């Protein structure tokens, strides 16, 4: 009886090891299934980054590669060397993409909350009323001033085509033959200058501005 006790014990241990190995293999697909759920809340451009690197969506603001090229043309002119203006030129394509697509998801993920709340209301109005915006649009930067809050107010003029069109009324929602002023306060962060909030356009005049598109 003692001669067969050890082989029987080893056979049982091997059997348990094989079972436990199969059970571990069966759990491997679970994380992949879970990633499908998390990616459903984000555009299909970067489905795995929110889980692998939580800070990555914020850093992509400096490289807005998800915005289609040619949608918006920005003319910085004499203000091209200003770091805050450079930040606006880099991030504006994503902002314009949100206006054209009437989807504020990218703003909510990649821009400060103040700017998101300022812009999202206009996007919701466009959704509700069926307004449309067709690229290309153009923006000319006409000024950059530092504020008492430590931000830089970048003064811009947006071309008439950079407005919503109301197909029901057959007119522009903002009638601006010379373009419309828009002032965006830029704030310096650890990843560069980002749009912080919309500011008053008092004193900004767009008469005589030549738009590239």
N, C-alpha and C. Protein backbone atom coordinates (compact mmCIF):
# COMPACT_ATOMS: atom_id res chain seq x y z
N UNK A 1 0.83 -1.19 0.00
CA UNK A 1 0.00 0.00 0.00
C UNK A 1 0.87 1.25 0.00
N UNK A 2 1.92 1.32 0.70
CA UNK A 2 2.79 2.50 0.74
C UNK A 2 3.45 2.74 -0.61
N UNK A 3 3.66 1.66 -1.41
CA UNK A 3 4.34 1.80 -2.69
C UNK A 3 3.52 2.66 -3.65
N UNK A 4 2.19 2.61 -3.58
CA UNK A 4 1.34 3.32 -4.52
C UNK A 4 0.81 4.64 -3.99
N UNK A 5 1.12 4.97 -2.75
CA UNK A 5 0.57 6.21 -2.16
C UNK A 5 1.14 7.44 -2.85
N UNK A 6 2.43 7.48 -3.13
CA UNK A 6 3.09 8.65 -3.72
C UNK A 6 2.62 8.89 -5.15
N UNK A 7 2.58 7.89 -6.04
CA UNK A 7 2.08 8.13 -7.42
C UNK A 7 0.66 8.63 -7.43
N UNK A 8 -0.20 8.06 -6.57
CA UNK A 8 -1.60 8.50 -6.55
C UNK A 8 -1.67 9.95 -6.13
N UNK A 9 -0.88 10.33 -5.15
CA UNK A 9 -0.88 11.72 -4.67
C UNK A 9 -0.40 12.67 -5.76
N UNK A 10 0.69 12.27 -6.51
CA UNK A 10 1.20 13.11 -7.58
C UNK A 10 0.19 13.23 -8.71
N UNK A 11 -0.49 12.19 -9.04
CA UNK A 11 -1.49 12.23 -10.10
C UNK A 11 -2.60 13.19 -9.74
N UNK A 12 -3.01 13.18 -8.47
CA UNK A 12 -4.06 14.11 -8.04
C UNK A 12 -3.59 15.55 -8.12
N UNK A 13 -2.34 15.79 -7.73
CA UNK A 13 -1.81 17.16 -7.77
C UNK A 13 -1.72 17.66 -9.19
N UNK A 14 -1.30 16.78 -10.11
CA UNK A 14 -1.22 17.19 -11.52
C UNK A 14 -2.59 17.50 -12.06
N UNK A 15 -3.58 16.72 -11.66
CA UNK A 15 -4.94 16.95 -12.12
C UNK A 15 -5.45 18.30 -11.65
N UNK A 16 -5.19 18.64 -10.37
CA UNK A 16 -5.61 19.94 -9.83
C UNK A 16 -4.89 21.08 -10.53
N UNK A 17 -3.58 20.87 -10.83
CA UNK A 17 -2.82 21.92 -11.52
C UNK A 17 -3.37 22.19 -12.90
N UNK A 18 -3.73 21.13 -13.62
CA UNK A 18 -4.28 21.29 -14.96
C UNK A 18 -5.59 22.02 -14.92
N UNK A 19 -6.44 21.70 -13.94
CA UNK A 19 -7.75 22.37 -13.83
C UNK A 19 -7.59 23.84 -13.53
N UNK A 20 -6.68 24.13 -12.59
CA UNK A 20 -6.49 25.54 -12.22
C UNK A 20 -5.91 26.32 -13.37
N UNK A 21 -5.05 25.72 -14.20
CA UNK A 21 -4.47 26.40 -15.36
C UNK A 21 -5.53 26.74 -16.37
N UNK A 22 -6.47 25.80 -16.60
CA UNK A 22 -7.54 26.06 -17.55
C UNK A 22 -8.46 27.15 -17.07
N UNK A 23 -8.71 27.21 -15.76
CA UNK A 23 -9.59 28.25 -15.23
C UNK A 23 -8.96 29.62 -15.36
N UNK A 24 -7.63 29.72 -15.21
CA UNK A 24 -6.96 31.01 -15.38
C UNK A 24 -7.02 31.45 -16.83
N UNK A 25 -6.85 30.52 -17.77
CA UNK A 25 -6.90 30.86 -19.18
C UNK A 25 -8.29 31.36 -19.55
N UNK A 26 -9.30 30.84 -18.91
CA UNK A 26 -10.66 31.25 -19.23
C UNK A 26 -10.95 32.68 -18.82
N UNK A 27 -10.16 33.24 -17.92
CA UNK A 27 -10.43 34.61 -17.46
C UNK A 27 -9.69 35.65 -18.27
N UNK A 28 -8.81 35.26 -19.19
CA UNK A 28 -8.02 36.22 -19.95
C UNK A 28 -8.85 37.14 -20.83
N UNK A 29 -9.92 36.69 -21.51
CA UNK A 29 -10.66 37.61 -22.37
C UNK A 29 -11.45 38.68 -21.63
N UNK A 30 -11.61 38.55 -20.32
CA UNK A 30 -12.46 39.48 -19.58
C UNK A 30 -11.97 40.92 -19.67
N UNK A 31 -10.67 41.22 -19.45
CA UNK A 31 -10.23 42.61 -19.58
C UNK A 31 -10.45 43.18 -20.97
N UNK A 32 -10.34 42.34 -22.01
CA UNK A 32 -10.56 42.83 -23.36
C UNK A 32 -12.01 43.23 -23.55
N UNK A 33 -12.92 42.43 -22.99
CA UNK A 33 -14.32 42.78 -23.07
C UNK A 33 -14.61 44.06 -22.33
N UNK A 34 -13.91 44.25 -21.19
CA UNK A 34 -14.11 45.46 -20.41
C UNK A 34 -13.65 46.69 -21.15
N UNK A 35 -12.58 46.55 -21.95
CA UNK A 35 -12.07 47.72 -22.67
C UNK A 35 -13.05 48.16 -23.73
N UNK A 36 -13.88 47.23 -24.26
CA UNK A 36 -14.88 47.63 -25.23
C UNK A 36 -15.89 48.58 -24.61
N UNK A 37 -16.22 48.33 -23.34
CA UNK A 37 -17.19 49.19 -22.66
C UNK A 37 -16.63 50.57 -22.46
N UNK A 38 -15.35 50.68 -22.07
CA UNK A 38 -14.78 52.00 -21.84
C UNK A 38 -14.57 52.76 -23.13
N UNK A 39 -14.28 52.05 -24.22
CA UNK A 39 -14.03 52.75 -25.47
C UNK A 39 -15.30 53.26 -26.11
N UNK A 40 -16.48 52.75 -25.68
CA UNK A 40 -17.72 53.20 -26.27
C UNK A 40 -18.04 54.63 -25.90
N UNK A 41 -17.41 55.16 -24.85
CA UNK A 41 -17.66 56.52 -24.43
C UNK A 41 -16.73 57.51 -25.09
N UNK A 42 -15.81 57.05 -25.92
CA UNK A 42 -14.82 57.93 -26.52
C UNK A 42 -14.83 57.75 -28.02
N UNK A 43 -14.38 58.76 -28.79
CA UNK A 43 -14.25 58.58 -30.23
C UNK A 43 -13.31 57.43 -30.55
N UNK A 44 -13.49 56.87 -31.73
CA UNK A 44 -12.77 55.64 -32.08
C UNK A 44 -11.30 55.87 -32.35
N UNK A 45 -10.82 57.12 -32.15
CA UNK A 45 -9.42 57.40 -32.48
C UNK A 45 -8.44 56.79 -31.50
N UNK A 46 -8.75 56.80 -30.21
CA UNK A 46 -7.82 56.29 -29.20
C UNK A 46 -8.59 55.50 -28.14
N UNK A 47 -9.06 54.27 -28.46
CA UNK A 47 -9.92 53.55 -27.53
C UNK A 47 -9.20 53.02 -26.30
N UNK A 48 -7.86 52.83 -26.36
CA UNK A 48 -7.17 52.20 -25.24
C UNK A 48 -6.44 53.17 -24.35
N UNK A 49 -6.28 54.42 -24.74
CA UNK A 49 -5.47 55.35 -23.97
C UNK A 49 -6.06 55.73 -22.62
N UNK A 50 -7.41 55.89 -22.47
CA UNK A 50 -7.93 56.27 -21.16
C UNK A 50 -7.57 55.29 -20.06
N UNK A 51 -7.44 53.96 -20.40
CA UNK A 51 -7.12 52.99 -19.36
C UNK A 51 -5.61 52.85 -19.15
N UNK A 52 -4.83 52.98 -20.23
CA UNK A 52 -3.40 52.76 -20.09
C UNK A 52 -2.67 53.99 -19.57
N UNK A 53 -3.17 55.18 -19.93
CA UNK A 53 -2.52 56.42 -19.50
C UNK A 53 -3.57 57.48 -19.26
N UNK A 54 -4.07 57.63 -18.02
CA UNK A 54 -5.16 58.56 -17.74
C UNK A 54 -4.86 59.99 -18.13
N UNK A 55 -3.60 60.38 -18.15
CA UNK A 55 -3.29 61.78 -18.46
C UNK A 55 -3.08 62.01 -19.96
N UNK A 56 -3.10 60.96 -20.77
CA UNK A 56 -2.82 61.10 -22.18
C UNK A 56 -3.82 61.97 -22.93
N UNK A 57 -5.17 61.87 -22.68
CA UNK A 57 -6.09 62.71 -23.43
C UNK A 57 -5.79 64.19 -23.30
N UNK A 58 -5.33 64.62 -22.13
CA UNK A 58 -5.03 66.04 -21.94
C UNK A 58 -3.82 66.47 -22.76
N UNK A 59 -2.83 65.60 -22.87
CA UNK A 59 -1.62 65.97 -23.58
C UNK A 59 -1.85 66.04 -25.08
N UNK A 60 -2.89 65.35 -25.60
CA UNK A 60 -3.13 65.37 -27.03
C UNK A 60 -3.69 66.70 -27.49
N UNK A 61 -4.04 67.59 -26.57
CA UNK A 61 -4.50 68.91 -26.98
C UNK A 61 -3.40 69.64 -27.75
N UNK A 62 -2.16 69.40 -27.36
CA UNK A 62 -1.04 70.06 -28.02
C UNK A 62 -0.83 69.51 -29.43
N UNK A 63 -1.42 68.33 -29.74
CA UNK A 63 -1.29 67.72 -31.05
C UNK A 63 -2.67 67.29 -31.54
N UNK A 64 -3.47 68.22 -32.02
CA UNK A 64 -4.85 67.90 -32.41
C UNK A 64 -4.93 67.16 -33.74
N UNK A 65 -4.38 65.96 -33.80
CA UNK A 65 -4.33 65.22 -35.04
C UNK A 65 -5.68 64.64 -35.42
N UNK A 66 -6.66 64.63 -34.48
CA UNK A 66 -7.96 64.06 -34.79
C UNK A 66 -8.81 65.02 -35.61
N UNK A 67 -8.45 66.30 -35.66
CA UNK A 67 -9.22 67.28 -36.42
C UNK A 67 -8.87 67.17 -37.90
N UNK A 68 -9.89 67.08 -38.76
CA UNK A 68 -9.62 66.99 -40.20
C UNK A 68 -8.84 68.21 -40.69
N UNK A 69 -7.88 67.97 -41.56
CA UNK A 69 -7.07 69.07 -42.07
C UNK A 69 -7.87 69.90 -43.06
N UNK A 70 -7.61 71.19 -43.08
CA UNK A 70 -8.26 72.06 -44.03
C UNK A 70 -9.62 72.60 -43.59
N UNK A 71 -10.10 72.21 -42.42
CA UNK A 71 -11.39 72.70 -41.97
C UNK A 71 -11.33 74.16 -41.57
N UNK A 72 -10.24 74.57 -40.97
CA UNK A 72 -10.11 75.93 -40.47
C UNK A 72 -8.72 76.47 -40.81
N UNK A 73 -8.68 77.74 -41.25
CA UNK A 73 -7.42 78.40 -41.55
C UNK A 73 -7.25 79.55 -40.57
N UNK A 74 -6.12 79.57 -39.87
CA UNK A 74 -5.88 80.58 -38.85
C UNK A 74 -4.70 81.43 -39.25
N UNK A 75 -4.90 82.73 -39.26
CA UNK A 75 -3.84 83.68 -39.61
C UNK A 75 -3.42 84.43 -38.36
N UNK A 76 -2.21 84.13 -37.88
CA UNK A 76 -1.73 84.75 -36.64
C UNK A 76 -1.09 86.10 -36.87
N UNK A 77 -0.54 86.34 -38.04
CA UNK A 77 0.04 87.63 -38.38
C UNK A 77 1.18 88.04 -37.46
N UNK A 78 1.11 89.27 -36.95
CA UNK A 78 2.17 89.81 -36.09
C UNK A 78 2.21 89.17 -34.71
N UNK A 79 1.24 88.33 -34.39
CA UNK A 79 1.16 87.73 -33.06
C UNK A 79 1.61 86.27 -33.05
N UNK A 80 2.21 85.83 -34.14
CA UNK A 80 2.58 84.41 -34.28
C UNK A 80 3.62 83.97 -33.25
N UNK A 81 4.44 84.88 -32.76
CA UNK A 81 5.49 84.51 -31.80
C UNK A 81 4.99 84.44 -30.36
N UNK A 82 3.77 84.88 -30.11
CA UNK A 82 3.23 84.86 -28.75
C UNK A 82 2.88 83.41 -28.36
N UNK A 83 3.40 82.90 -27.23
CA UNK A 83 3.13 81.52 -26.83
C UNK A 83 1.64 81.21 -26.68
N UNK A 84 0.88 82.18 -26.13
CA UNK A 84 -0.56 81.96 -25.96
C UNK A 84 -1.25 81.85 -27.31
N UNK A 85 -0.82 82.66 -28.26
CA UNK A 85 -1.38 82.60 -29.62
C UNK A 85 -1.02 81.27 -30.27
N UNK A 86 0.19 80.81 -30.06
CA UNK A 86 0.60 79.52 -30.60
C UNK A 86 -0.27 78.39 -30.04
N UNK A 87 -0.60 78.50 -28.75
CA UNK A 87 -1.48 77.50 -28.14
C UNK A 87 -2.87 77.53 -28.75
N UNK A 88 -3.37 78.71 -29.05
CA UNK A 88 -4.69 78.82 -29.67
C UNK A 88 -4.68 78.27 -31.09
N UNK A 89 -3.64 78.58 -31.84
CA UNK A 89 -3.54 78.08 -33.21
C UNK A 89 -3.52 76.56 -33.21
N UNK A 90 -2.86 75.98 -32.22
CA UNK A 90 -2.76 74.51 -32.14
C UNK A 90 -4.07 73.86 -31.74
N UNK A 91 -4.78 74.48 -30.81
CA UNK A 91 -5.99 73.85 -30.26
C UNK A 91 -7.27 74.24 -31.00
N UNK A 92 -7.26 75.32 -31.76
CA UNK A 92 -8.48 75.80 -32.41
C UNK A 92 -9.09 74.78 -33.37
N UNK A 93 -8.31 74.00 -34.13
CA UNK A 93 -8.93 73.02 -35.03
C UNK A 93 -9.87 72.05 -34.32
N UNK A 94 -9.53 71.62 -33.10
CA UNK A 94 -10.43 70.73 -32.36
C UNK A 94 -11.70 71.46 -31.95
N UNK A 95 -11.54 72.71 -31.55
CA UNK A 95 -12.69 73.54 -31.19
C UNK A 95 -13.62 73.69 -32.38
N UNK A 96 -13.07 73.99 -33.55
CA UNK A 96 -13.88 74.17 -34.74
C UNK A 96 -14.52 72.85 -35.17
N UNK A 97 -13.80 71.76 -34.98
CA UNK A 97 -14.35 70.45 -35.31
C UNK A 97 -15.61 70.18 -34.49
N UNK A 98 -15.58 70.56 -33.21
CA UNK A 98 -16.75 70.37 -32.35
C UNK A 98 -17.93 71.21 -32.84
N UNK A 99 -17.66 72.42 -33.32
CA UNK A 99 -18.73 73.27 -33.84
C UNK A 99 -19.34 72.68 -35.11
N UNK A 100 -18.50 72.21 -36.01
CA UNK A 100 -18.98 71.65 -37.27
C UNK A 100 -19.78 70.37 -37.05
N UNK A 101 -19.25 69.48 -36.22
CA UNK A 101 -19.91 68.20 -35.98
C UNK A 101 -21.05 68.30 -34.98
N UNK A 102 -21.15 69.45 -34.30
CA UNK A 102 -22.15 69.67 -33.24
C UNK A 102 -22.05 68.59 -32.16
N UNK A 103 -20.83 68.24 -31.85
CA UNK A 103 -20.54 67.23 -30.83
C UNK A 103 -19.50 67.81 -29.87
N UNK A 104 -19.88 68.02 -28.62
CA UNK A 104 -18.98 68.66 -27.65
C UNK A 104 -18.11 67.67 -26.89
N UNK A 105 -18.09 66.41 -27.31
CA UNK A 105 -17.33 65.38 -26.59
C UNK A 105 -15.85 65.73 -26.50
N UNK A 106 -15.27 66.15 -27.62
CA UNK A 106 -13.84 66.45 -27.63
C UNK A 106 -13.52 67.64 -26.72
N UNK A 107 -14.44 68.60 -26.62
CA UNK A 107 -14.22 69.74 -25.73
C UNK A 107 -14.25 69.31 -24.28
N UNK A 108 -15.16 68.43 -23.95
CA UNK A 108 -15.30 67.97 -22.58
C UNK A 108 -14.09 67.17 -22.13
N UNK A 109 -13.47 66.45 -23.05
CA UNK A 109 -12.34 65.58 -22.71
C UNK A 109 -11.01 66.31 -22.69
N UNK A 110 -10.83 67.32 -23.55
CA UNK A 110 -9.50 67.86 -23.78
C UNK A 110 -9.33 69.34 -23.47
N UNK A 111 -10.39 70.00 -23.03
CA UNK A 111 -10.28 71.42 -22.74
C UNK A 111 -10.73 71.71 -21.30
N UNK A 112 -10.28 72.82 -20.72
CA UNK A 112 -10.72 73.19 -19.37
C UNK A 112 -12.24 73.33 -19.31
N UNK A 113 -12.79 73.05 -18.12
CA UNK A 113 -14.24 73.01 -17.96
C UNK A 113 -14.91 74.34 -18.24
N UNK A 114 -14.26 75.45 -17.90
CA UNK A 114 -14.86 76.76 -18.16
C UNK A 114 -15.11 76.95 -19.65
N UNK A 115 -14.13 76.62 -20.47
CA UNK A 115 -14.27 76.78 -21.91
C UNK A 115 -15.34 75.85 -22.45
N UNK A 116 -15.37 74.64 -21.95
CA UNK A 116 -16.38 73.66 -22.38
C UNK A 116 -17.79 74.18 -22.10
N UNK A 117 -18.01 74.71 -20.91
CA UNK A 117 -19.34 75.18 -20.55
C UNK A 117 -19.74 76.41 -21.37
N UNK A 118 -18.76 77.25 -21.71
CA UNK A 118 -19.05 78.43 -22.52
C UNK A 118 -19.49 78.05 -23.93
N UNK A 119 -18.90 77.03 -24.49
CA UNK A 119 -19.12 76.68 -25.89
C UNK A 119 -20.24 75.67 -26.07
N UNK A 120 -20.43 74.78 -25.11
CA UNK A 120 -21.39 73.69 -25.28
C UNK A 120 -22.82 74.19 -25.47
N UNK A 121 -23.17 75.30 -24.84
CA UNK A 121 -24.53 75.83 -24.98
C UNK A 121 -24.84 76.17 -26.43
N UNK A 122 -23.89 76.79 -27.11
CA UNK A 122 -24.08 77.11 -28.52
C UNK A 122 -24.19 75.86 -29.38
N UNK A 123 -23.45 74.82 -29.03
CA UNK A 123 -23.52 73.56 -29.77
C UNK A 123 -24.88 72.91 -29.56
N UNK A 124 -25.41 72.95 -28.35
CA UNK A 124 -26.73 72.40 -28.08
C UNK A 124 -27.80 73.16 -28.86
N UNK A 125 -27.66 74.48 -28.96
CA UNK A 125 -28.61 75.27 -29.74
C UNK A 125 -28.58 74.86 -31.21
N UNK A 126 -27.39 74.60 -31.72
CA UNK A 126 -27.26 74.18 -33.11
C UNK A 126 -27.91 72.81 -33.33
N UNK A 127 -27.74 71.91 -32.39
CA UNK A 127 -28.37 70.59 -32.48
C UNK A 127 -29.88 70.71 -32.48
N UNK A 128 -30.40 71.52 -31.57
CA UNK A 128 -31.85 71.64 -31.40
C UNK A 128 -32.52 72.31 -32.60
N UNK A 129 -31.85 73.30 -33.18
CA UNK A 129 -32.45 74.07 -34.27
C UNK A 129 -32.07 73.59 -35.66
N UNK A 130 -31.16 72.61 -35.74
CA UNK A 130 -30.78 72.09 -37.04
C UNK A 130 -29.84 73.00 -37.80
N UNK A 131 -29.10 73.85 -37.09
CA UNK A 131 -28.15 74.73 -37.75
C UNK A 131 -26.97 73.92 -38.27
N UNK A 132 -26.35 74.41 -39.33
CA UNK A 132 -25.21 73.71 -39.91
C UNK A 132 -24.05 74.68 -40.11
N UNK A 133 -22.85 74.15 -40.11
CA UNK A 133 -21.65 74.92 -40.38
C UNK A 133 -20.77 74.09 -41.31
N UNK A 134 -20.47 74.64 -42.45
CA UNK A 134 -19.68 73.91 -43.43
C UNK A 134 -18.29 74.53 -43.56
N UNK A 135 -17.25 73.75 -43.37
CA UNK A 135 -15.89 74.25 -43.58
C UNK A 135 -15.64 74.47 -45.06
N UNK A 136 -14.63 75.24 -45.41
CA UNK A 136 -13.63 75.78 -44.49
C UNK A 136 -14.07 77.10 -43.86
N UNK A 137 -13.54 77.36 -42.69
CA UNK A 137 -13.72 78.65 -42.04
C UNK A 137 -12.36 79.29 -41.84
N UNK A 138 -12.37 80.54 -41.45
CA UNK A 138 -11.08 81.20 -41.24
C UNK A 138 -11.16 82.15 -40.06
N UNK A 139 -10.03 82.27 -39.38
CA UNK A 139 -9.91 83.12 -38.19
C UNK A 139 -8.65 83.95 -38.33
N UNK A 140 -8.77 85.24 -38.04
CA UNK A 140 -7.62 86.13 -38.06
C UNK A 140 -7.41 86.68 -36.65
N UNK A 141 -6.21 86.54 -36.13
CA UNK A 141 -5.89 87.03 -34.79
C UNK A 141 -5.50 88.50 -34.90
N UNK A 142 -6.20 89.33 -34.13
CA UNK A 142 -5.99 90.78 -34.23
C UNK A 142 -5.43 91.39 -32.95
N UNK A 143 -5.19 90.59 -31.93
CA UNK A 143 -4.65 91.14 -30.70
C UNK A 143 -4.40 90.06 -29.66
N UNK A 144 -3.55 90.37 -28.68
CA UNK A 144 -3.26 89.46 -27.57
C UNK A 144 -2.86 90.30 -26.37
N UNK A 145 -3.65 90.26 -25.31
CA UNK A 145 -3.40 91.10 -24.14
C UNK A 145 -3.44 90.25 -22.87
N UNK A 146 -2.46 90.50 -22.00
CA UNK A 146 -2.42 89.80 -20.72
C UNK A 146 -3.46 90.41 -19.78
N UNK A 147 -4.14 89.56 -19.02
CA UNK A 147 -5.18 90.02 -18.10
C UNK A 147 -4.66 90.02 -16.67
N UNK A 148 -5.45 90.61 -15.78
CA UNK A 148 -5.08 90.66 -14.36
C UNK A 148 -5.11 89.28 -13.73
N UNK A 149 -5.82 88.34 -14.34
CA UNK A 149 -5.92 86.98 -13.80
C UNK A 149 -4.75 86.10 -14.21
N UNK A 150 -3.83 86.64 -15.00
CA UNK A 150 -2.70 85.84 -15.45
C UNK A 150 -2.94 85.10 -16.74
N UNK A 151 -4.10 85.32 -17.36
CA UNK A 151 -4.37 84.71 -18.65
C UNK A 151 -3.99 85.69 -19.77
N UNK A 152 -4.07 85.22 -21.00
CA UNK A 152 -3.84 86.08 -22.16
C UNK A 152 -5.10 86.05 -23.02
N UNK A 153 -5.70 87.22 -23.19
CA UNK A 153 -6.91 87.32 -24.00
C UNK A 153 -6.52 87.48 -25.46
N UNK A 154 -6.75 86.44 -26.23
CA UNK A 154 -6.43 86.48 -27.66
C UNK A 154 -7.66 86.95 -28.41
N UNK A 155 -7.52 88.07 -29.11
CA UNK A 155 -8.63 88.67 -29.84
C UNK A 155 -8.63 88.15 -31.28
N UNK A 156 -9.75 87.66 -31.72
CA UNK A 156 -9.85 87.09 -33.07
C UNK A 156 -11.06 87.65 -33.80
N UNK A 157 -11.01 87.53 -35.12
CA UNK A 157 -12.15 87.82 -35.98
C UNK A 157 -12.45 86.57 -36.79
N UNK A 158 -13.69 86.13 -36.75
CA UNK A 158 -14.10 84.92 -37.46
C UNK A 158 -14.87 85.31 -38.71
N UNK A 159 -14.55 84.68 -39.81
CA UNK A 159 -15.19 84.99 -41.09
C UNK A 159 -16.68 84.65 -41.04
N UNK A 160 -17.42 85.21 -41.99
CA UNK A 160 -18.87 84.95 -42.05
C UNK A 160 -19.14 83.47 -42.20
N UNK A 161 -18.30 82.77 -42.95
CA UNK A 161 -18.52 81.33 -43.14
C UNK A 161 -18.20 80.52 -41.89
N UNK A 162 -17.59 81.15 -40.90
CA UNK A 162 -17.31 80.45 -39.64
C UNK A 162 -18.46 80.72 -38.67
N UNK A 163 -19.67 80.63 -39.19
CA UNK A 163 -20.90 80.83 -38.41
C UNK A 163 -21.88 79.73 -38.77
N UNK A 164 -22.92 79.58 -37.96
CA UNK A 164 -23.96 78.61 -38.26
C UNK A 164 -24.96 79.17 -39.27
N UNK A 165 -25.40 78.31 -40.17
CA UNK A 165 -26.42 78.66 -41.15
C UNK A 165 -27.74 78.01 -40.74
N UNK A 166 -28.81 78.80 -40.78
CA UNK A 166 -30.14 78.31 -40.42
C UNK A 166 -30.87 77.95 -41.70
N UNK A 167 -30.99 76.66 -42.04
CA UNK A 167 -31.63 76.28 -43.30
C UNK A 167 -33.12 76.59 -43.34
N UNK A 168 -33.77 76.66 -42.19
CA UNK A 168 -35.20 76.95 -42.16
C UNK A 168 -35.45 78.43 -42.48
N UNK A 169 -34.71 79.28 -41.82
CA UNK A 169 -34.85 80.72 -42.06
C UNK A 169 -34.05 81.18 -43.27
N UNK A 170 -33.16 80.31 -43.77
CA UNK A 170 -32.29 80.61 -44.90
C UNK A 170 -31.47 81.89 -44.65
N UNK A 171 -30.82 81.93 -43.50
CA UNK A 171 -29.96 83.06 -43.17
C UNK A 171 -28.94 82.62 -42.14
N UNK A 172 -27.89 83.44 -41.98
CA UNK A 172 -26.88 83.17 -40.97
C UNK A 172 -27.45 83.46 -39.60
N UNK A 173 -27.09 82.62 -38.63
CA UNK A 173 -27.55 82.87 -37.26
C UNK A 173 -26.87 84.11 -36.68
N UNK A 174 -25.67 84.41 -37.16
CA UNK A 174 -24.97 85.64 -36.80
C UNK A 174 -24.64 86.37 -38.10
N UNK A 175 -25.37 87.46 -38.33
CA UNK A 175 -25.18 88.20 -39.57
C UNK A 175 -23.99 89.14 -39.41
N UNK A 176 -22.85 88.74 -39.96
CA UNK A 176 -21.61 89.51 -39.79
C UNK A 176 -20.86 89.56 -41.11
N UNK A 177 -21.23 90.49 -42.00
CA UNK A 177 -20.54 90.58 -43.30
C UNK A 177 -19.03 90.79 -43.17
N UNK A 178 -18.61 91.49 -42.12
CA UNK A 178 -17.18 91.75 -41.91
C UNK A 178 -16.53 90.76 -40.96
N UNK A 179 -17.27 89.74 -40.60
CA UNK A 179 -16.76 88.79 -39.61
C UNK A 179 -17.19 89.17 -38.22
N UNK A 180 -17.11 88.23 -37.30
CA UNK A 180 -17.54 88.48 -35.93
C UNK A 180 -16.36 88.35 -34.97
N UNK A 181 -16.30 89.22 -33.95
CA UNK A 181 -15.21 89.13 -32.97
C UNK A 181 -15.42 87.98 -31.99
N UNK A 182 -14.33 87.40 -31.57
CA UNK A 182 -14.34 86.36 -30.53
C UNK A 182 -13.04 86.49 -29.74
N UNK A 183 -13.18 86.58 -28.44
CA UNK A 183 -12.01 86.69 -27.57
C UNK A 183 -11.93 85.44 -26.71
N UNK A 184 -10.81 84.77 -26.77
CA UNK A 184 -10.59 83.54 -26.00
C UNK A 184 -9.43 83.76 -25.04
N UNK A 185 -9.70 83.61 -23.76
CA UNK A 185 -8.63 83.71 -22.77
C UNK A 185 -7.87 82.40 -22.73
N UNK A 186 -6.55 82.50 -22.87
CA UNK A 186 -5.68 81.33 -22.84
C UNK A 186 -4.99 81.26 -21.49
N UNK A 187 -4.85 80.05 -20.97
CA UNK A 187 -4.19 79.87 -19.68
C UNK A 187 -3.01 78.90 -19.85
N UNK A 188 -1.91 79.19 -19.15
CA UNK A 188 -0.73 78.34 -19.25
C UNK A 188 -0.85 77.18 -18.27
N UNK A 189 -0.69 75.97 -18.78
CA UNK A 189 -0.75 74.77 -17.96
C UNK A 189 0.56 74.01 -18.10
N UNK A 190 0.63 72.87 -17.44
CA UNK A 190 1.84 72.06 -17.52
C UNK A 190 2.08 71.48 -18.89
N UNK A 191 1.06 71.46 -19.74
CA UNK A 191 1.20 70.91 -21.09
C UNK A 191 1.07 71.99 -22.15
N UNK A 192 1.16 73.25 -21.73
CA UNK A 192 1.12 74.33 -22.70
C UNK A 192 -0.07 75.26 -22.48
N UNK A 193 -0.27 76.17 -23.42
CA UNK A 193 -1.37 77.14 -23.35
C UNK A 193 -2.64 76.53 -23.91
N UNK A 194 -3.73 76.61 -23.12
CA UNK A 194 -5.01 76.04 -23.53
C UNK A 194 -6.11 77.09 -23.43
N UNK A 195 -7.17 76.97 -24.24
CA UNK A 195 -8.31 77.87 -24.12
C UNK A 195 -8.96 77.72 -22.74
N UNK A 196 -9.12 78.84 -22.05
CA UNK A 196 -9.63 78.81 -20.68
C UNK A 196 -11.11 79.19 -20.62
N UNK A 197 -11.47 80.29 -21.29
CA UNK A 197 -12.87 80.71 -21.31
C UNK A 197 -13.06 81.79 -22.38
N UNK A 198 -14.32 81.99 -22.77
CA UNK A 198 -14.66 83.07 -23.69
C UNK A 198 -14.78 84.36 -22.90
N UNK A 199 -14.32 85.46 -23.48
CA UNK A 199 -14.33 86.74 -22.80
C UNK A 199 -15.11 87.76 -23.63
N UNK A 200 -15.35 88.92 -23.04
CA UNK A 200 -16.09 89.97 -23.73
C UNK A 200 -15.33 90.45 -24.97
N UNK A 201 -16.09 90.80 -26.00
CA UNK A 201 -15.48 91.24 -27.26
C UNK A 201 -15.52 92.76 -27.40
N UNK A 202 -15.80 93.46 -26.31
CA UNK A 202 -15.87 94.92 -26.36
C UNK A 202 -14.56 95.51 -26.86
N UNK A 203 -14.68 96.38 -27.85
CA UNK A 203 -13.50 97.05 -28.39
C UNK A 203 -12.82 96.33 -29.54
N UNK A 204 -13.21 95.10 -29.83
CA UNK A 204 -12.61 94.35 -30.93
C UNK A 204 -13.41 94.63 -32.20
N UNK A 205 -12.77 95.17 -33.21
CA UNK A 205 -13.44 95.50 -34.46
C UNK A 205 -12.86 94.66 -35.60
N UNK A 206 -13.75 94.15 -36.43
CA UNK A 206 -13.33 93.28 -37.53
C UNK A 206 -13.48 93.94 -38.90
N UNK A 207 -13.82 95.22 -38.92
CA UNK A 207 -13.93 95.94 -40.19
C UNK A 207 -12.57 96.02 -40.88
N UNK A 208 -12.53 95.67 -42.13
CA UNK A 208 -11.28 95.75 -42.89
C UNK A 208 -10.40 94.53 -42.77
N UNK A 209 -10.81 93.53 -42.01
CA UNK A 209 -10.02 92.31 -41.88
C UNK A 209 -10.18 91.45 -43.13
N UNK A 210 -9.07 90.96 -43.66
CA UNK A 210 -9.10 90.08 -44.83
C UNK A 210 -8.94 88.63 -44.40
N UNK A 211 -9.89 87.81 -44.77
CA UNK A 211 -9.90 86.41 -44.32
C UNK A 211 -9.32 85.50 -45.38
N UNK A 212 -8.52 84.54 -44.96
CA UNK A 212 -7.89 83.62 -45.93
C UNK A 212 -8.87 82.65 -46.58
N UNK A 213 -10.07 82.48 -45.97
CA UNK A 213 -11.07 81.57 -46.56
C UNK A 213 -12.45 82.01 -46.16
